[in-house]
């Protein structure tokens, strides 16, 4: 396993290993340059069984998240740069890899696995729920969250209907 300092990415990688899925972690410190411009890195290439391979950008979130307005669930914001980068990588790989956002939720309180927001995985004493959504579906349903930070998010109800537990097509 690569030395990952981000516990969300480390938990995600541990899940991949536990499932025996072939994958290639990407060294985020080395920025790729195409046609003279930098492209935001993704986190993993995954060769999932029985499906199209994925370009994955991992997004770690707390569940529930305690914000200024109280508890919030299904936090799923991304930057516009995240989506643009995945689309550029999809083009670079000639469409052979599907661009995917993997949301890794750190479960902050005990959750019945049947009620968890995705597949539950124990890693280093913490429980995580893992969900995925195609970047194309995400972009089609996203709304602007913050003009200042150029972030987007999908409304919770839409996200819950579009996102799938990791390991489920």
N, C-alpha and C. Protein backbone atom coordinates (compact mmCIF):
# COMPACT_ATOMS: atom_id res chain seq x y z
N UNK A 1 0.85 -1.17 0.00
CA UNK A 1 0.00 0.00 0.00
C UNK A 1 0.89 1.23 0.00
N UNK A 2 0.53 2.22 -0.79
CA UNK A 2 1.29 3.47 -0.84
C UNK A 2 1.18 4.17 0.51
N UNK A 3 2.18 4.97 0.84
CA UNK A 3 2.13 5.73 2.09
C UNK A 3 1.24 6.95 1.85
N UNK A 4 0.05 6.87 2.35
CA UNK A 4 -0.91 7.94 2.17
C UNK A 4 -1.13 8.62 3.51
N UNK A 5 -1.00 9.94 3.50
CA UNK A 5 -1.18 10.71 4.73
C UNK A 5 -2.64 11.11 4.93
N UNK A 6 -3.43 11.01 3.90
CA UNK A 6 -4.85 11.33 3.97
C UNK A 6 -5.58 10.04 4.38
N UNK A 7 -6.20 10.04 5.56
CA UNK A 7 -6.81 8.80 6.05
C UNK A 7 -7.98 8.34 5.17
N UNK A 8 -8.65 9.24 4.49
CA UNK A 8 -9.73 8.85 3.59
C UNK A 8 -9.19 8.04 2.41
N UNK A 9 -8.12 8.55 1.80
CA UNK A 9 -7.51 7.83 0.68
C UNK A 9 -6.90 6.51 1.13
N UNK A 10 -6.31 6.50 2.32
CA UNK A 10 -5.73 5.26 2.85
C UNK A 10 -6.82 4.22 3.09
N UNK A 11 -7.96 4.65 3.63
CA UNK A 11 -9.08 3.73 3.86
C UNK A 11 -9.62 3.21 2.52
N UNK A 12 -9.70 4.08 1.54
CA UNK A 12 -10.16 3.69 0.21
C UNK A 12 -9.22 2.64 -0.39
N UNK A 13 -7.93 2.90 -0.30
CA UNK A 13 -6.95 1.95 -0.84
C UNK A 13 -7.02 0.62 -0.10
N UNK A 14 -7.20 0.67 1.22
CA UNK A 14 -7.34 -0.56 1.99
C UNK A 14 -8.56 -1.36 1.53
N UNK A 15 -9.65 -0.66 1.24
CA UNK A 15 -10.83 -1.34 0.72
C UNK A 15 -10.53 -2.03 -0.60
N UNK A 16 -9.85 -1.33 -1.51
CA UNK A 16 -9.50 -1.93 -2.80
C UNK A 16 -8.69 -3.21 -2.60
N UNK A 17 -7.72 -3.14 -1.70
CA UNK A 17 -6.87 -4.31 -1.42
C UNK A 17 -7.71 -5.45 -0.85
N UNK A 18 -8.63 -5.12 0.07
CA UNK A 18 -9.46 -6.15 0.70
C UNK A 18 -10.36 -6.85 -0.33
N UNK A 19 -10.71 -6.15 -1.40
CA UNK A 19 -11.55 -6.72 -2.45
C UNK A 19 -10.75 -7.42 -3.53
N UNK A 20 -9.43 -7.23 -3.52
CA UNK A 20 -8.57 -7.83 -4.53
C UNK A 20 -8.67 -7.16 -5.89
N UNK A 21 -9.12 -5.91 -5.91
CA UNK A 21 -9.24 -5.18 -7.17
C UNK A 21 -7.88 -4.66 -7.60
N UNK A 22 -7.48 -4.90 -8.84
CA UNK A 22 -6.24 -4.31 -9.34
C UNK A 22 -6.39 -2.79 -9.45
N UNK A 23 -5.37 -2.07 -9.01
CA UNK A 23 -5.41 -0.61 -9.05
C UNK A 23 -4.00 -0.05 -9.13
N UNK A 24 -3.92 1.20 -9.54
CA UNK A 24 -2.66 1.93 -9.58
C UNK A 24 -2.87 3.24 -8.85
N UNK A 25 -2.16 3.45 -7.72
CA UNK A 25 -2.27 4.75 -7.05
C UNK A 25 -1.47 5.80 -7.81
N UNK A 26 -1.94 7.02 -7.79
CA UNK A 26 -1.28 8.11 -8.50
C UNK A 26 -0.52 8.97 -7.50
N UNK A 27 0.72 9.30 -7.85
CA UNK A 27 1.53 10.18 -7.00
C UNK A 27 1.10 11.61 -7.25
N UNK A 28 0.37 12.16 -6.29
CA UNK A 28 -0.19 13.51 -6.45
C UNK A 28 0.87 14.60 -6.45
N UNK A 29 2.06 14.28 -6.00
CA UNK A 29 3.12 15.29 -5.95
C UNK A 29 3.67 15.60 -7.33
N UNK A 30 3.43 14.69 -8.27
CA UNK A 30 3.94 14.88 -9.63
C UNK A 30 2.79 15.31 -10.53
N UNK A 31 2.77 16.57 -10.87
CA UNK A 31 1.70 17.12 -11.71
C UNK A 31 1.95 16.78 -13.17
N UNK A 32 0.91 16.36 -13.85
CA UNK A 32 1.01 16.05 -15.27
C UNK A 32 0.80 17.32 -16.09
N UNK A 33 1.51 17.39 -17.19
CA UNK A 33 1.37 18.54 -18.09
C UNK A 33 1.04 18.01 -19.48
N UNK A 34 -0.07 18.48 -20.04
CA UNK A 34 -0.48 18.14 -21.39
C UNK A 34 -0.64 19.43 -22.17
N UNK A 35 -0.06 19.49 -23.35
CA UNK A 35 -0.18 20.66 -24.23
C UNK A 35 0.15 21.94 -23.48
N UNK A 36 1.14 21.86 -22.61
CA UNK A 36 1.61 23.05 -21.91
C UNK A 36 0.78 23.49 -20.72
N UNK A 37 -0.28 22.75 -20.38
CA UNK A 37 -1.08 23.14 -19.21
C UNK A 37 -1.14 21.99 -18.21
N UNK A 38 -1.28 22.36 -16.95
CA UNK A 38 -1.36 21.36 -15.89
C UNK A 38 -2.78 20.83 -15.76
N UNK A 39 -2.87 19.56 -15.48
CA UNK A 39 -4.16 18.92 -15.25
C UNK A 39 -4.18 18.43 -13.81
N UNK A 40 -5.28 18.68 -13.11
CA UNK A 40 -5.40 18.20 -11.74
C UNK A 40 -5.33 16.67 -11.73
N UNK A 41 -4.54 16.15 -10.82
CA UNK A 41 -4.37 14.70 -10.72
C UNK A 41 -5.62 14.03 -10.17
N UNK A 42 -5.81 12.80 -10.56
CA UNK A 42 -6.80 11.95 -9.92
C UNK A 42 -6.03 11.08 -8.93
N UNK A 43 -6.71 10.20 -8.20
CA UNK A 43 -6.05 9.44 -7.13
C UNK A 43 -5.73 7.99 -7.49
N UNK A 44 -6.59 7.35 -8.27
CA UNK A 44 -6.39 5.93 -8.58
C UNK A 44 -6.89 5.60 -9.98
N UNK A 45 -6.22 4.65 -10.62
CA UNK A 45 -6.75 3.91 -11.76
C UNK A 45 -7.20 2.58 -11.19
N UNK A 46 -8.44 2.21 -11.45
CA UNK A 46 -8.96 0.97 -10.89
C UNK A 46 -9.49 0.09 -12.02
N UNK A 47 -9.05 -1.16 -12.00
CA UNK A 47 -9.52 -2.15 -12.96
C UNK A 47 -10.53 -3.01 -12.22
N UNK A 48 -11.78 -2.55 -12.21
CA UNK A 48 -12.78 -3.26 -11.43
C UNK A 48 -13.30 -4.47 -12.18
N UNK A 49 -13.61 -5.53 -11.45
CA UNK A 49 -14.07 -6.76 -12.09
C UNK A 49 -15.40 -6.54 -12.82
N UNK A 50 -15.45 -7.00 -14.05
CA UNK A 50 -16.70 -6.98 -14.80
C UNK A 50 -17.20 -5.62 -15.23
N UNK A 51 -16.35 -4.62 -15.20
CA UNK A 51 -16.81 -3.29 -15.59
C UNK A 51 -15.72 -2.48 -16.24
N UNK A 52 -16.11 -1.34 -16.76
CA UNK A 52 -15.14 -0.43 -17.37
C UNK A 52 -14.18 0.07 -16.30
N UNK A 53 -12.89 0.17 -16.60
CA UNK A 53 -11.95 0.70 -15.61
C UNK A 53 -12.28 2.15 -15.27
N UNK A 54 -11.84 2.57 -14.09
CA UNK A 54 -12.16 3.89 -13.56
C UNK A 54 -10.93 4.77 -13.38
N UNK A 55 -11.13 6.06 -13.58
CA UNK A 55 -10.22 7.12 -13.12
C UNK A 55 -10.92 7.67 -11.88
N UNK A 56 -10.31 7.57 -10.72
CA UNK A 56 -11.01 7.92 -9.48
C UNK A 56 -10.37 9.10 -8.77
N UNK A 57 -11.22 10.04 -8.40
CA UNK A 57 -10.83 11.14 -7.51
C UNK A 57 -11.55 10.89 -6.20
N UNK A 58 -10.80 10.67 -5.12
CA UNK A 58 -11.36 10.36 -3.81
C UNK A 58 -11.67 11.66 -3.07
N UNK A 59 -12.88 11.71 -2.50
CA UNK A 59 -13.32 12.86 -1.71
C UNK A 59 -13.69 12.37 -0.32
N UNK A 60 -12.95 12.80 0.68
CA UNK A 60 -13.22 12.41 2.05
C UNK A 60 -14.13 13.41 2.74
N UNK A 61 -15.14 12.89 3.45
CA UNK A 61 -16.09 13.73 4.16
C UNK A 61 -16.46 13.07 5.48
N UNK A 62 -16.82 13.88 6.45
CA UNK A 62 -17.33 13.36 7.72
C UNK A 62 -18.83 13.12 7.56
N UNK A 63 -19.35 12.14 8.30
CA UNK A 63 -20.78 11.83 8.26
C UNK A 63 -21.26 11.54 9.66
N UNK A 64 -22.15 12.30 10.25
CA UNK A 64 -22.61 13.58 9.73
C UNK A 64 -21.55 14.66 9.95
N UNK A 65 -21.69 15.73 9.22
CA UNK A 65 -20.78 16.86 9.32
C UNK A 65 -21.43 17.93 10.20
N UNK A 66 -20.68 18.43 11.17
CA UNK A 66 -21.20 19.47 12.05
C UNK A 66 -20.79 20.82 11.49
N UNK A 67 -21.74 21.52 10.90
CA UNK A 67 -21.47 22.84 10.34
C UNK A 67 -22.06 23.94 11.19
N UNK A 68 -21.93 25.16 10.74
CA UNK A 68 -22.45 26.29 11.50
C UNK A 68 -23.97 26.23 11.63
N UNK A 69 -24.64 25.58 10.70
CA UNK A 69 -26.09 25.47 10.75
C UNK A 69 -26.58 24.17 11.37
N UNK A 70 -25.71 23.44 12.04
CA UNK A 70 -26.08 22.16 12.64
C UNK A 70 -25.50 21.00 11.87
N UNK A 71 -26.04 19.82 12.15
CA UNK A 71 -25.55 18.62 11.47
C UNK A 71 -26.00 18.61 10.01
N UNK A 72 -25.05 18.21 9.17
CA UNK A 72 -25.33 18.11 7.74
C UNK A 72 -24.93 16.72 7.28
N UNK A 73 -25.73 16.18 6.40
CA UNK A 73 -25.52 14.84 5.88
C UNK A 73 -25.27 14.91 4.38
N UNK A 74 -24.59 13.89 3.87
CA UNK A 74 -24.37 13.75 2.44
C UNK A 74 -23.60 14.92 1.84
N UNK A 75 -22.64 15.46 2.60
CA UNK A 75 -21.77 16.49 2.03
C UNK A 75 -21.07 15.88 0.82
N UNK A 76 -21.18 16.54 -0.32
CA UNK A 76 -20.60 15.95 -1.54
C UNK A 76 -20.02 17.00 -2.47
N UNK A 77 -19.57 18.10 -1.91
CA UNK A 77 -19.05 19.19 -2.75
C UNK A 77 -17.72 18.80 -3.38
N UNK A 78 -17.49 19.36 -4.56
CA UNK A 78 -16.23 19.21 -5.28
C UNK A 78 -15.91 20.57 -5.90
N UNK A 79 -14.69 20.72 -6.35
CA UNK A 79 -14.36 21.95 -7.08
C UNK A 79 -14.64 21.73 -8.57
N UNK A 80 -14.87 22.81 -9.26
CA UNK A 80 -15.04 22.71 -10.71
C UNK A 80 -13.77 22.12 -11.33
N UNK A 81 -12.61 22.46 -10.75
CA UNK A 81 -11.33 21.93 -11.24
C UNK A 81 -11.30 20.40 -11.15
N UNK A 82 -11.93 19.82 -10.12
CA UNK A 82 -12.00 18.36 -10.01
C UNK A 82 -12.68 17.76 -11.23
N UNK A 83 -13.83 18.31 -11.61
CA UNK A 83 -14.58 17.78 -12.75
C UNK A 83 -13.88 18.04 -14.07
N UNK A 84 -13.30 19.22 -14.22
CA UNK A 84 -12.57 19.54 -15.45
C UNK A 84 -11.37 18.60 -15.60
N UNK A 85 -10.64 18.39 -14.51
CA UNK A 85 -9.48 17.50 -14.55
C UNK A 85 -9.86 16.08 -14.94
N UNK A 86 -10.93 15.55 -14.34
CA UNK A 86 -11.36 14.20 -14.68
C UNK A 86 -11.76 14.11 -16.16
N UNK A 87 -12.45 15.12 -16.66
CA UNK A 87 -12.85 15.11 -18.08
C UNK A 87 -11.63 15.15 -18.99
N UNK A 88 -10.62 15.93 -18.61
CA UNK A 88 -9.40 15.99 -19.42
C UNK A 88 -8.65 14.66 -19.39
N UNK A 89 -8.63 14.01 -18.23
CA UNK A 89 -7.99 12.69 -18.15
C UNK A 89 -8.77 11.66 -18.97
N UNK A 90 -10.09 11.74 -18.93
CA UNK A 90 -10.89 10.81 -19.74
C UNK A 90 -10.52 10.96 -21.21
N UNK A 91 -10.39 12.20 -21.67
CA UNK A 91 -9.97 12.43 -23.06
C UNK A 91 -8.57 11.89 -23.32
N UNK A 92 -7.66 12.10 -22.37
CA UNK A 92 -6.28 11.63 -22.53
C UNK A 92 -6.22 10.11 -22.64
N UNK A 93 -7.12 9.43 -21.93
CA UNK A 93 -7.18 7.97 -21.98
C UNK A 93 -8.15 7.48 -23.06
N UNK A 94 -8.55 8.38 -23.93
CA UNK A 94 -9.40 8.09 -25.09
C UNK A 94 -10.72 7.41 -24.70
N UNK A 95 -11.27 7.80 -23.56
CA UNK A 95 -12.56 7.28 -23.14
C UNK A 95 -12.56 5.85 -22.65
N UNK A 96 -11.39 5.25 -22.50
CA UNK A 96 -11.33 3.86 -22.06
C UNK A 96 -11.52 3.71 -20.55
N UNK A 97 -11.38 4.81 -19.82
CA UNK A 97 -11.59 4.81 -18.37
C UNK A 97 -12.75 5.75 -18.05
N UNK A 98 -13.64 5.30 -17.18
CA UNK A 98 -14.76 6.15 -16.76
C UNK A 98 -14.31 7.03 -15.60
N UNK A 99 -14.52 8.35 -15.69
CA UNK A 99 -14.16 9.22 -14.57
C UNK A 99 -15.21 9.11 -13.47
N UNK A 100 -14.72 8.90 -12.24
CA UNK A 100 -15.60 8.63 -11.10
C UNK A 100 -15.15 9.44 -9.90
N UNK A 101 -16.12 9.90 -9.12
CA UNK A 101 -15.85 10.50 -7.82
C UNK A 101 -16.20 9.45 -6.77
N UNK A 102 -15.26 9.15 -5.89
CA UNK A 102 -15.51 8.22 -4.79
C UNK A 102 -15.60 9.04 -3.51
N UNK A 103 -16.75 8.98 -2.86
CA UNK A 103 -16.94 9.68 -1.60
C UNK A 103 -16.73 8.69 -0.47
N UNK A 104 -15.75 9.00 0.37
CA UNK A 104 -15.40 8.16 1.50
C UNK A 104 -15.84 8.92 2.74
N UNK A 105 -16.90 8.43 3.38
CA UNK A 105 -17.47 9.09 4.55
C UNK A 105 -16.94 8.44 5.82
N UNK A 106 -16.30 9.24 6.66
CA UNK A 106 -15.86 8.79 7.98
C UNK A 106 -17.07 8.88 8.89
N UNK A 107 -17.54 7.73 9.36
CA UNK A 107 -18.74 7.68 10.19
C UNK A 107 -18.38 8.09 11.61
N UNK A 108 -18.88 9.23 12.04
CA UNK A 108 -18.50 9.81 13.34
C UNK A 108 -19.30 9.25 14.50
N UNK A 109 -20.34 8.53 14.21
CA UNK A 109 -21.11 7.89 15.28
C UNK A 109 -21.51 6.51 14.79
N UNK A 110 -21.83 5.61 15.72
CA UNK A 110 -22.21 4.26 15.29
C UNK A 110 -23.41 4.31 14.34
N UNK A 111 -23.30 3.54 13.28
CA UNK A 111 -24.36 3.47 12.28
C UNK A 111 -24.61 2.00 11.97
N UNK A 112 -25.87 1.62 11.97
CA UNK A 112 -26.24 0.27 11.57
C UNK A 112 -25.81 0.10 10.11
N UNK A 113 -25.06 -0.96 9.80
CA UNK A 113 -24.60 -1.15 8.41
C UNK A 113 -25.73 -1.08 7.38
N UNK A 114 -26.95 -1.47 7.79
CA UNK A 114 -28.09 -1.40 6.87
C UNK A 114 -28.52 0.04 6.61
N UNK A 115 -28.19 0.96 7.54
CA UNK A 115 -28.58 2.36 7.40
C UNK A 115 -27.42 3.25 6.96
N UNK A 116 -26.26 2.67 6.79
CA UNK A 116 -25.07 3.45 6.43
C UNK A 116 -25.21 4.01 5.02
N UNK A 117 -24.55 5.15 4.77
CA UNK A 117 -24.64 5.75 3.44
C UNK A 117 -23.69 5.11 2.44
N UNK A 118 -23.69 3.80 2.35
CA UNK A 118 -22.80 3.12 1.43
C UNK A 118 -22.23 1.87 2.06
N UNK A 119 -21.29 1.28 1.40
CA UNK A 119 -20.64 0.09 1.92
C UNK A 119 -19.74 0.47 3.08
N UNK A 120 -19.83 -0.26 4.18
CA UNK A 120 -19.08 0.08 5.39
C UNK A 120 -17.78 -0.72 5.43
N UNK A 121 -16.70 -0.01 5.79
CA UNK A 121 -15.37 -0.61 5.82
C UNK A 121 -14.64 -0.12 7.07
N UNK A 122 -14.07 -1.05 7.84
CA UNK A 122 -13.30 -0.70 9.03
C UNK A 122 -11.83 -0.56 8.65
N UNK A 123 -11.23 0.58 9.03
CA UNK A 123 -9.83 0.82 8.74
C UNK A 123 -9.22 1.59 9.90
N UNK A 124 -8.17 1.00 10.50
CA UNK A 124 -7.46 1.62 11.62
C UNK A 124 -8.39 2.12 12.72
N UNK A 125 -9.37 1.30 13.05
CA UNK A 125 -10.27 1.63 14.15
C UNK A 125 -11.37 2.62 13.81
N UNK A 126 -11.47 3.02 12.56
CA UNK A 126 -12.52 3.95 12.13
C UNK A 126 -13.40 3.27 11.08
N UNK A 127 -14.68 3.59 11.14
CA UNK A 127 -15.62 3.08 10.15
C UNK A 127 -15.80 4.10 9.04
N UNK A 128 -15.81 3.60 7.82
CA UNK A 128 -16.00 4.44 6.63
C UNK A 128 -17.11 3.84 5.77
N UNK A 129 -17.87 4.72 5.15
CA UNK A 129 -18.84 4.30 4.14
C UNK A 129 -18.31 4.79 2.79
N UNK A 130 -18.36 3.93 1.79
CA UNK A 130 -17.77 4.24 0.48
C UNK A 130 -18.84 4.24 -0.61
N UNK A 131 -18.96 5.38 -1.29
CA UNK A 131 -19.92 5.54 -2.38
C UNK A 131 -19.21 6.03 -3.63
N UNK A 132 -19.78 5.76 -4.78
CA UNK A 132 -19.22 6.29 -6.02
C UNK A 132 -20.34 6.85 -6.89
N UNK A 133 -19.96 7.82 -7.72
CA UNK A 133 -20.87 8.42 -8.68
C UNK A 133 -20.04 8.79 -9.91
N UNK A 134 -20.59 8.55 -11.08
CA UNK A 134 -19.84 8.92 -12.28
C UNK A 134 -19.71 10.44 -12.32
N UNK A 135 -18.58 10.91 -12.78
CA UNK A 135 -18.35 12.35 -12.87
C UNK A 135 -19.36 12.98 -13.84
N UNK A 136 -19.77 12.24 -14.84
CA UNK A 136 -20.76 12.75 -15.81
C UNK A 136 -22.10 12.98 -15.13
N UNK A 137 -22.57 12.00 -14.35
CA UNK A 137 -23.84 12.16 -13.62
C UNK A 137 -23.73 13.29 -12.60
N UNK A 138 -22.60 13.34 -11.92
CA UNK A 138 -22.41 14.40 -10.93
C UNK A 138 -22.52 15.77 -11.60
N UNK A 139 -21.80 15.96 -12.69
CA UNK A 139 -21.80 17.25 -13.38
C UNK A 139 -23.20 17.63 -13.87
N UNK A 140 -23.96 16.63 -14.32
CA UNK A 140 -25.30 16.90 -14.85
C UNK A 140 -26.27 17.37 -13.76
N UNK A 141 -26.03 16.99 -12.51
CA UNK A 141 -26.94 17.33 -11.41
C UNK A 141 -26.38 18.37 -10.44
N UNK A 142 -25.15 18.78 -10.67
CA UNK A 142 -24.48 19.68 -9.72
C UNK A 142 -25.04 21.10 -9.81
N UNK A 143 -25.00 21.76 -8.66
CA UNK A 143 -25.36 23.17 -8.55
C UNK A 143 -24.20 23.90 -7.90
N UNK A 144 -24.09 25.17 -8.21
CA UNK A 144 -23.02 25.97 -7.61
C UNK A 144 -23.22 26.05 -6.10
N UNK A 145 -22.15 25.78 -5.37
CA UNK A 145 -22.19 25.88 -3.91
C UNK A 145 -21.56 27.18 -3.46
N UNK A 146 -20.35 27.46 -3.97
CA UNK A 146 -19.65 28.67 -3.57
C UNK A 146 -18.95 29.30 -4.77
N UNK A 147 -19.37 30.49 -5.16
CA UNK A 147 -18.67 31.17 -6.25
C UNK A 147 -17.23 31.52 -5.86
N UNK A 148 -17.03 31.85 -4.59
CA UNK A 148 -15.70 32.24 -4.12
C UNK A 148 -14.70 31.10 -4.29
N UNK A 149 -15.11 29.88 -3.92
CA UNK A 149 -14.21 28.72 -3.97
C UNK A 149 -14.41 27.91 -5.25
N UNK A 150 -15.36 28.30 -6.08
CA UNK A 150 -15.69 27.60 -7.31
C UNK A 150 -16.01 26.13 -7.04
N UNK A 151 -16.90 25.94 -6.06
CA UNK A 151 -17.31 24.58 -5.69
C UNK A 151 -18.74 24.31 -6.14
N UNK A 152 -19.00 23.04 -6.31
CA UNK A 152 -20.31 22.55 -6.74
C UNK A 152 -20.75 21.46 -5.78
N UNK A 153 -22.05 21.19 -5.73
CA UNK A 153 -22.54 20.03 -4.99
C UNK A 153 -23.85 19.58 -5.63
N UNK A 154 -24.20 18.34 -5.35
CA UNK A 154 -25.45 17.77 -5.83
C UNK A 154 -26.41 17.77 -4.64
N UNK A 155 -27.65 18.23 -4.84
CA UNK A 155 -28.61 18.19 -3.73
C UNK A 155 -28.70 16.79 -3.13
N UNK A 156 -28.85 16.74 -1.80
CA UNK A 156 -28.83 15.47 -1.07
C UNK A 156 -29.73 14.39 -1.63
N UNK A 157 -30.97 14.74 -1.94
CA UNK A 157 -31.91 13.74 -2.46
C UNK A 157 -31.42 13.17 -3.79
N UNK A 158 -30.94 14.04 -4.67
CA UNK A 158 -30.41 13.57 -5.96
C UNK A 158 -29.16 12.72 -5.75
N UNK A 159 -28.29 13.17 -4.85
CA UNK A 159 -27.06 12.43 -4.59
C UNK A 159 -27.37 11.02 -4.09
N UNK A 160 -28.32 10.91 -3.15
CA UNK A 160 -28.68 9.60 -2.61
C UNK A 160 -29.23 8.67 -3.69
N UNK A 161 -29.90 9.23 -4.69
CA UNK A 161 -30.44 8.36 -5.75
C UNK A 161 -29.39 8.00 -6.80
N UNK A 162 -28.37 8.85 -6.97
CA UNK A 162 -27.36 8.62 -8.01
C UNK A 162 -26.14 7.84 -7.52
N UNK A 163 -25.72 8.08 -6.29
CA UNK A 163 -24.51 7.45 -5.76
C UNK A 163 -24.78 5.98 -5.46
N UNK A 164 -23.76 5.16 -5.67
CA UNK A 164 -23.86 3.72 -5.45
C UNK A 164 -22.79 3.27 -4.45
N UNK A 165 -23.12 2.25 -3.66
CA UNK A 165 -22.08 1.71 -2.77
C UNK A 165 -20.92 1.18 -3.60
N UNK A 166 -19.72 1.40 -3.14
CA UNK A 166 -18.55 0.90 -3.85
C UNK A 166 -18.64 -0.62 -3.91
N UNK A 167 -18.39 -1.16 -5.08
CA UNK A 167 -18.50 -2.60 -5.27
C UNK A 167 -19.79 -2.99 -5.96
N UNK A 168 -20.69 -2.00 -6.14
CA UNK A 168 -21.95 -2.24 -6.83
C UNK A 168 -21.95 -1.41 -8.10
N UNK A 169 -22.24 -2.04 -9.24
CA UNK A 169 -22.21 -1.33 -10.53
C UNK A 169 -23.35 -0.35 -10.67
